[in-house]
Protein backbone atom coordinates (compact mmCIF):
# COMPACT_ATOMS: atom_id res chain seq x y z
CA MET A 1 -4.05 1.59 -37.15
CA ASP A 2 -0.98 3.71 -37.94
CA LYS A 3 0.94 3.83 -34.66
CA SER A 4 2.24 7.34 -35.45
CA LYS A 5 -1.34 8.59 -34.97
CA THR A 6 -2.55 9.57 -31.52
CA VAL A 7 -5.05 7.44 -29.59
CA LEU A 8 -7.22 9.30 -27.09
CA VAL A 9 -8.31 7.50 -23.89
CA ILE A 10 -11.18 9.33 -22.20
CA GLY A 11 -11.53 8.17 -18.61
CA ALA A 12 -7.83 7.31 -18.30
CA THR A 13 -7.85 7.22 -14.50
CA GLY A 14 -10.83 4.83 -14.35
CA TYR A 15 -10.62 1.12 -13.75
CA ILE A 16 -10.22 0.07 -17.40
CA GLY A 17 -8.60 3.25 -18.75
CA ALA A 18 -5.75 3.19 -16.21
CA ARG A 19 -4.87 -0.34 -17.33
CA LEU A 20 -5.32 0.24 -21.04
CA VAL A 21 -3.04 3.29 -21.33
CA PRO A 22 0.24 1.53 -20.35
CA ARG A 23 -0.62 -1.41 -22.60
CA LEU A 24 -1.16 0.87 -25.58
CA LEU A 25 2.13 2.59 -24.86
CA ASN A 26 3.92 -0.73 -24.57
CA ALA A 27 2.40 -1.72 -27.93
CA GLY A 28 4.03 1.35 -29.51
CA TYR A 29 1.04 3.70 -29.77
CA ARG A 30 1.09 7.42 -29.13
CA VAL A 31 -1.50 8.06 -26.41
CA ARG A 32 -3.32 11.09 -25.07
CA ALA A 33 -4.78 10.29 -21.66
CA ALA A 34 -7.75 12.40 -20.59
CA SER A 35 -9.32 12.73 -17.18
CA ARG A 36 -11.19 15.39 -15.22
CA SER A 37 -8.21 15.59 -12.86
CA LEU A 38 -4.75 16.30 -14.23
CA ASP A 39 -3.36 15.72 -10.75
CA LYS A 40 -4.68 12.13 -10.77
CA LEU A 41 -3.07 11.58 -14.17
CA LEU A 42 0.24 12.84 -12.83
CA ARG A 43 0.04 10.25 -10.03
CA CYS A 44 -0.03 7.35 -12.51
CA THR A 45 3.13 5.28 -12.72
CA TRP A 46 3.12 5.61 -16.51
CA ALA A 47 2.70 9.42 -16.49
CA GLY A 48 6.25 10.15 -17.69
CA HIS A 49 6.22 7.99 -20.84
CA GLU A 50 7.72 9.74 -23.86
CA ASN A 51 4.80 8.84 -26.12
CA LEU A 52 2.16 10.10 -23.72
CA GLU A 53 0.27 13.38 -23.46
CA LEU A 54 -1.91 14.24 -20.47
CA VAL A 55 -4.99 16.43 -20.62
CA SER A 56 -7.59 17.60 -18.15
CA CYS A 57 -10.96 17.03 -19.76
CA ASP A 58 -14.56 16.87 -18.49
CA VAL A 59 -16.93 15.38 -21.05
CA MET A 60 -19.61 17.74 -19.76
CA ASN A 61 -17.50 20.61 -21.17
CA LEU A 62 -17.69 20.50 -24.96
CA GLN A 63 -14.83 22.95 -25.37
CA GLU A 64 -12.48 20.82 -23.28
CA LEU A 65 -13.57 17.74 -25.17
CA ASN A 66 -12.91 19.43 -28.51
CA GLN A 67 -9.40 20.40 -27.39
CA ALA A 68 -8.65 16.91 -26.07
CA MET A 69 -9.74 15.27 -29.29
CA HIS A 70 -7.89 17.59 -31.66
CA GLY A 71 -5.40 15.67 -33.79
CA CYS A 72 -6.48 12.22 -32.62
CA GLU A 73 -7.60 9.42 -34.91
CA VAL A 74 -9.31 7.02 -32.49
CA ALA A 75 -10.85 7.61 -29.07
CA TYR A 76 -11.69 5.11 -26.33
CA TYR A 77 -14.70 6.22 -24.32
CA PHE A 78 -14.78 4.99 -20.71
CA VAL A 79 -17.10 7.40 -18.95
CA HIS A 80 -19.63 6.31 -16.31
CA SER A 81 -21.29 8.76 -13.97
CA MET A 82 -22.20 6.46 -11.11
CA ASN A 83 -20.88 8.55 -8.25
CA SER A 84 -22.15 10.93 -5.61
CA GLN A 85 -21.47 13.94 -7.85
CA HIS A 86 -24.20 12.90 -10.26
CA LYS A 87 -27.54 12.17 -8.59
CA ASN A 88 -29.01 11.38 -11.99
CA PHE A 89 -26.20 9.39 -13.55
CA ALA A 90 -28.26 8.41 -16.60
CA GLU A 91 -28.83 12.08 -17.55
CA ALA A 92 -25.13 12.86 -16.98
CA ASP A 93 -24.08 9.96 -19.18
CA ARG A 94 -26.57 11.05 -21.83
CA ARG A 95 -25.09 14.58 -21.90
CA GLY A 96 -21.54 13.25 -22.06
CA ALA A 97 -22.38 10.94 -24.96
CA HIS A 98 -23.99 13.76 -26.96
CA ASN A 99 -20.91 15.92 -26.38
CA MET A 100 -18.73 13.03 -27.48
CA VAL A 101 -20.61 12.73 -30.77
CA ALA A 102 -20.33 16.48 -31.46
CA ALA A 103 -16.62 16.65 -30.61
CA ALA A 104 -15.81 13.52 -32.64
CA GLN A 105 -17.50 15.05 -35.67
CA THR A 106 -15.62 18.34 -35.21
CA ALA A 107 -12.29 16.51 -34.91
CA ASP A 108 -13.09 14.24 -37.87
CA LEU A 109 -12.34 11.25 -35.72
CA LYS A 110 -11.94 7.92 -37.48
CA ARG A 111 -13.46 5.75 -34.77
CA ILE A 112 -14.83 5.55 -31.20
CA ILE A 113 -14.28 2.40 -29.16
CA TYR A 114 -16.76 1.99 -26.32
CA LEU A 115 -17.12 -0.51 -23.45
CA GLY A 116 -20.71 -1.03 -22.36
CA GLY A 117 -22.80 -3.62 -20.57
CA LEU A 118 -24.54 -6.84 -21.55
CA GLY A 119 -28.28 -7.20 -21.23
CA ASP A 120 -31.32 -7.81 -23.39
CA ARG A 121 -33.35 -4.63 -24.01
CA ASN A 122 -36.54 -6.66 -23.70
CA ASP A 123 -35.54 -8.04 -20.33
CA ASN A 124 -36.69 -5.18 -18.09
CA LEU A 125 -33.19 -3.75 -17.91
CA SER A 126 -32.03 -1.96 -14.79
CA GLU A 127 -31.43 1.78 -15.00
CA HIS A 128 -27.67 1.19 -15.04
CA LEU A 129 -27.71 -1.29 -17.94
CA ARG A 130 -30.33 0.74 -19.77
CA SER A 131 -28.09 3.80 -19.47
CA ARG A 132 -25.09 1.87 -20.84
CA ASP A 133 -27.17 0.86 -23.83
CA GLU A 134 -28.50 4.39 -24.31
CA VAL A 135 -24.97 5.77 -24.41
CA LEU A 136 -24.13 3.23 -27.10
CA GLN A 137 -27.14 4.26 -29.18
CA ILE A 138 -26.24 7.96 -28.88
CA LEU A 139 -22.65 7.31 -29.93
CA ARG A 140 -23.85 5.29 -32.94
CA SER A 141 -26.30 8.00 -33.95
CA GLY A 142 -23.44 10.23 -35.12
CA PRO A 143 -21.41 9.99 -38.35
CA ILE A 144 -18.31 8.50 -36.68
CA SER A 145 -17.81 4.72 -36.77
CA VAL A 146 -18.26 3.09 -33.34
CA THR A 147 -16.88 -0.24 -32.14
CA ALA A 148 -18.69 -1.37 -29.01
CA LEU A 149 -17.90 -4.19 -26.62
CA ARG A 150 -20.63 -5.32 -24.21
CA ALA A 151 -19.43 -7.07 -21.04
CA ALA A 152 -20.97 -8.47 -17.89
CA MET A 153 -19.03 -8.73 -14.63
CA ILE A 154 -15.32 -7.98 -15.06
CA ILE A 155 -13.16 -10.11 -12.77
CA GLY A 156 -9.99 -8.35 -11.74
CA SER A 157 -8.41 -6.94 -8.60
CA GLY A 158 -10.00 -3.59 -7.85
CA SER A 159 -13.12 -3.81 -10.03
CA ALA A 160 -16.32 -2.79 -8.25
CA SER A 161 -18.01 -6.12 -8.94
CA PHE A 162 -15.04 -8.11 -7.75
CA GLU A 163 -14.67 -6.00 -4.60
CA ILE A 164 -18.32 -6.60 -3.73
CA LEU A 165 -17.85 -10.32 -4.26
CA ARG A 166 -14.60 -10.34 -2.23
CA TYR A 167 -15.91 -8.51 0.81
CA LEU A 168 -19.20 -10.38 0.96
CA VAL A 169 -17.57 -13.78 0.82
CA GLU A 170 -14.70 -12.97 3.18
CA ARG A 171 -16.83 -11.26 5.84
CA LEU A 172 -20.04 -13.30 5.79
CA PRO A 173 -19.87 -17.08 6.37
CA LEU A 174 -23.66 -17.06 6.28
CA MET A 175 -25.47 -14.82 3.80
CA ILE A 176 -29.17 -14.10 3.54
CA THR A 177 -29.15 -12.69 0.08
CA PRO A 178 -31.48 -11.30 -2.64
CA ALA A 179 -32.76 -13.71 -5.23
CA TRP A 180 -30.31 -12.25 -7.82
CA VAL A 181 -27.57 -14.55 -6.49
CA ARG A 182 -29.04 -17.20 -8.81
CA THR A 183 -29.15 -14.99 -11.94
CA PRO A 184 -27.02 -16.31 -14.81
CA CYS A 185 -23.92 -14.26 -15.60
CA GLN A 186 -21.01 -14.63 -18.02
CA PRO A 187 -18.02 -12.96 -16.34
CA ILE A 188 -14.84 -12.05 -18.15
CA ALA A 189 -11.28 -11.57 -16.84
CA VAL A 190 -9.98 -8.01 -17.03
CA ARG A 191 -6.94 -9.08 -19.05
CA ASN A 192 -9.24 -10.53 -21.69
CA VAL A 193 -11.22 -7.28 -21.86
CA LEU A 194 -8.02 -5.30 -22.37
CA ASN A 195 -6.82 -7.69 -25.09
CA TYR A 196 -10.13 -7.26 -26.91
CA LEU A 197 -9.96 -3.46 -26.62
CA ILE A 198 -6.48 -3.36 -28.15
CA GLY A 199 -7.34 -6.06 -30.69
CA CYS A 200 -10.28 -4.01 -31.98
CA LEU A 201 -8.00 -1.01 -32.46
CA GLU A 202 -5.71 -3.12 -34.65
CA ARG A 203 -8.48 -4.56 -36.85
CA ASP A 204 -10.41 -2.37 -39.25
CA ASP A 205 -13.02 -5.10 -39.74
CA THR A 206 -14.31 -4.42 -36.19
CA MET A 207 -15.32 -0.88 -37.16
CA GLY A 208 -19.04 -0.19 -36.86
CA GLN A 209 -19.63 -3.47 -35.00
CA VAL A 210 -21.17 -4.29 -31.62
CA PHE A 211 -19.66 -7.37 -29.95
CA ASP A 212 -20.68 -9.31 -26.83
CA ILE A 213 -17.65 -10.37 -24.82
CA GLY A 214 -17.54 -12.90 -22.02
CA GLY A 215 -15.50 -15.70 -20.56
CA PRO A 216 -16.00 -19.39 -21.33
CA GLU A 217 -18.49 -20.05 -18.51
CA ILE A 218 -22.05 -19.08 -17.57
CA LEU A 219 -22.47 -19.15 -13.81
CA SER A 220 -24.69 -17.74 -11.08
CA TYR A 221 -23.36 -15.24 -8.56
CA GLN A 222 -23.81 -17.91 -5.90
CA GLN A 223 -21.49 -20.19 -7.81
CA LEU A 224 -18.97 -17.37 -8.09
CA MET A 225 -19.14 -16.94 -4.32
CA ASN A 226 -18.39 -20.64 -3.84
CA ILE A 227 -15.45 -20.50 -6.23
CA TYR A 228 -14.07 -17.40 -4.50
CA ALA A 229 -14.27 -19.07 -1.09
CA GLU A 230 -12.40 -22.12 -2.37
CA GLU A 231 -9.67 -20.04 -4.02
CA ALA A 232 -9.30 -17.84 -0.93
CA GLY A 233 -8.95 -20.87 1.31
CA LEU A 234 -12.13 -20.10 3.24
CA HIS A 235 -14.61 -22.51 4.77
CA ARG A 236 -17.77 -23.15 2.80
CA ARG A 237 -20.12 -20.17 2.66
CA TYR A 238 -23.85 -20.71 3.15
CA VAL A 239 -26.10 -18.61 0.95
CA ILE A 240 -29.87 -18.35 1.55
CA PRO A 241 -31.70 -16.36 -1.13
CA VAL A 242 -34.93 -14.60 -0.06
CA PRO A 243 -37.46 -12.78 -2.25
CA PHE A 244 -38.04 -9.67 -0.16
CA PHE A 245 -34.59 -8.10 -0.64
CA THR A 246 -35.20 -5.01 -2.83
CA PRO A 247 -32.38 -3.29 -4.77
CA ARG A 248 -32.43 -0.49 -2.18
CA LEU A 249 -32.02 -2.92 0.71
CA SER A 250 -29.35 -4.79 -1.23
CA SER A 251 -27.38 -1.59 -1.81
CA TYR A 252 -27.47 -0.66 1.87
CA TRP A 253 -26.47 -4.19 2.81
CA ILE A 254 -23.48 -4.03 0.42
CA HIS A 255 -22.62 -0.55 1.71
CA LEU A 256 -22.42 -1.87 5.27
CA VAL A 257 -20.33 -4.94 4.44
CA THR A 258 -18.07 -3.59 1.67
CA PRO A 259 -16.25 -0.31 0.89
CA VAL A 260 -18.60 0.31 -2.07
CA PRO A 261 -20.99 3.20 -1.22
CA ALA A 262 -24.72 2.82 -1.67
CA CYS A 263 -24.84 5.34 -4.53
CA ILE A 264 -22.71 2.94 -6.58
CA ALA A 265 -23.91 -0.34 -5.08
CA ARG A 266 -27.56 0.33 -5.84
CA PRO A 267 -27.34 0.65 -9.65
CA LEU A 268 -24.98 -2.30 -9.73
CA THR A 269 -27.26 -4.51 -7.63
CA GLU A 270 -30.29 -3.51 -9.68
CA GLY A 271 -28.40 -4.75 -12.72
CA LEU A 272 -27.75 -8.09 -11.09
CA ARG A 273 -31.38 -9.05 -11.49
CA ASN A 274 -30.89 -9.15 -15.30
CA PRO A 275 -29.36 -12.21 -16.95
CA VAL A 276 -26.14 -10.99 -18.64
CA VAL A 277 -25.04 -13.63 -21.11
CA CYS A 278 -23.44 -13.28 -24.53
CA THR A 279 -25.80 -13.70 -27.45
CA GLU A 280 -22.96 -14.10 -29.93
CA ASN A 281 -19.17 -14.68 -29.88
CA ARG A 282 -17.97 -13.23 -33.20
CA LEU A 283 -15.05 -11.30 -31.67
CA ARG A 284 -13.45 -14.56 -30.48
CA GLU A 285 -12.65 -15.34 -34.12
CA LEU A 286 -11.36 -11.85 -34.95
CA VAL A 287 -9.25 -11.29 -31.83
CA ARG A 288 -7.96 -14.65 -30.73
CA GLN A 289 -6.75 -15.14 -27.17
CA ASP A 290 -6.95 -17.65 -24.33
CA LEU A 291 -10.08 -16.83 -22.35
CA LEU A 292 -9.61 -17.39 -18.63
CA ASP A 293 -12.24 -19.33 -16.71
CA CYS A 294 -13.68 -17.73 -13.57
CA ARG A 295 -11.59 -19.76 -11.17
CA THR A 296 -8.34 -18.76 -12.86
CA ALA A 297 -9.43 -15.12 -13.10
CA ILE A 298 -10.29 -15.04 -9.38
CA ARG A 299 -7.01 -16.76 -8.50
CA LEU A 300 -5.05 -14.13 -10.45
CA ALA A 301 -7.00 -11.28 -8.86
CA LEU A 302 -6.30 -12.67 -5.39
CA SER A 303 -2.61 -12.97 -6.24
CA CYS A 304 -2.49 -9.31 -7.27
CA LEU A 305 -4.11 -8.35 -3.97
CA GLN A 306 -1.72 -10.53 -1.98
CA HIS A 307 1.32 -8.99 -3.68
CA ARG A 308 -0.14 -5.46 -3.63
CA GLN A 309 -0.02 -5.21 -7.41
CA VAL A 310 -3.46 -3.70 -8.06
CA GLU A 311 -3.05 -1.59 -11.21
CA SER A 312 -6.33 0.27 -10.87
CA HIS A 313 -9.37 0.45 -8.67
CA TRP A 314 -13.09 1.23 -9.11
CA ASN A 315 -12.50 4.46 -7.17
CA GLY A 316 -10.14 5.61 -9.90
CA VAL A 317 -6.57 6.76 -9.48
CA GLY A 318 -5.99 9.19 -6.66
CA ASP A 319 -7.32 10.01 -3.24
CA LEU A 320 -9.85 7.25 -2.50
CA ARG A 321 -7.54 4.26 -1.94
CA PRO A 322 -8.66 1.75 0.67
CA ALA A 323 -6.43 2.31 3.71
CA GLU A 324 -5.20 -1.28 3.84
CA TRP A 325 -3.46 -0.80 0.46
CA ARG A 326 -1.22 2.11 1.58
CA TYR A 327 2.15 0.54 2.13
CA LEU A 328 5.53 2.24 2.07
CA GLU A 329 6.42 0.73 -1.27
CA ASP A 330 3.16 1.70 -2.95
CA PRO A 331 3.26 3.69 -6.20
CA LEU A 332 2.39 7.39 -6.29
CA TRP A 333 -1.28 6.77 -6.98
CA ALA A 334 -1.77 5.12 -3.60
CA GLY A 335 -3.12 8.36 -2.09
CA PRO A 336 -2.66 12.10 -1.76
CA ASN A 337 -0.98 12.02 1.66
CA PHE A 338 1.49 9.32 0.71
CA GLU A 339 5.17 10.23 0.31
CA ALA A 340 6.68 7.67 -2.04
CA LYS A 341 10.31 6.85 -2.40
CA GLY A 342 11.97 8.05 -5.57
CA LYS A 343 11.27 11.05 -7.74
CA ARG A 344 8.05 12.17 -9.37
CA PRO A 345 7.98 11.96 -13.17
CA THR A 346 9.56 15.03 -14.68
CA GLN A 347 8.98 14.63 -18.42
CA ILE A 348 5.23 15.18 -18.72
CA LYS A 349 3.45 16.42 -21.82
CA ALA A 350 0.18 17.98 -20.67
CA LEU A 351 -2.17 19.80 -22.99
CA GLY A 352 -2.99 23.18 -21.54
CA ALA A 353 -0.24 22.87 -18.90
CA LYS A 354 3.49 23.47 -18.88
CA SER A 355 5.85 20.50 -18.92
CA ARG A 356 7.07 19.62 -15.49
């Protein structure tokens, strides 16, 4: 892609978007970062970059989406509605995807790059995974080329799946768990996901393609728990799977033990019953990189936590930081009541807002 053209990142304050934006900027791309909250964008450490524009955009508002997309060539779409504001997240994601198709056509976009979830459609998919696949099908129904990556669990400091794993293992030496702890999964390190996302942007032969992405190992969640305990220097954890744990009970259990609320834990735990394993590995040949095994990925995530270098969090950038992460030297996104040392970025290009 011509680096003089603008790349739009929709969901720029989310877990993946907040990490992708600075990497695109470092690679020399012009970036327009879009989020529902301009204030959250302004809190990002990369907000003052000279090649960056910031825009407040809600995908439920077609007019805002049209404005955000104007003049862009490629758009990354990282929108998931699993939060308390959307009781029916599948319907909200459906509406957002239809608006994305309409706006992309109006803007004559060259390509959409989408990150979805793994899972076989014939495997009684959970509502969450089914919604991820439905969004993909809606995006592909339009005239704009779509590149889609389908991933299982993403291992990285701050991801929802990793935080659930972390808190369960650290707080519970003995776990009576749902049967899904023995479901096969093919996790992938967050840095490998980001490399694939940028690699697809740089290769035209990935246009119109759907790729499964995963790390080099297929493991059960119980095996991941054992690996985490070893890397964290904990005593062996004892896991006893039982059949009567429903997704609802699992979500409440996770809500009690971890910071992840039940409204997010439930769709995630429902998805854990589905095997999520790559059915093909074509992208490995097109975008070559060293894929981290799960132990290495967990070790790196723990190191980031230890050194308080968590780039993004499942809560997004802004006012929902876990309290234990708010240290005096934290960056501006650590929370709304935090007074950081140093000055706030002054050179901000914001669509629909004055420079500040």
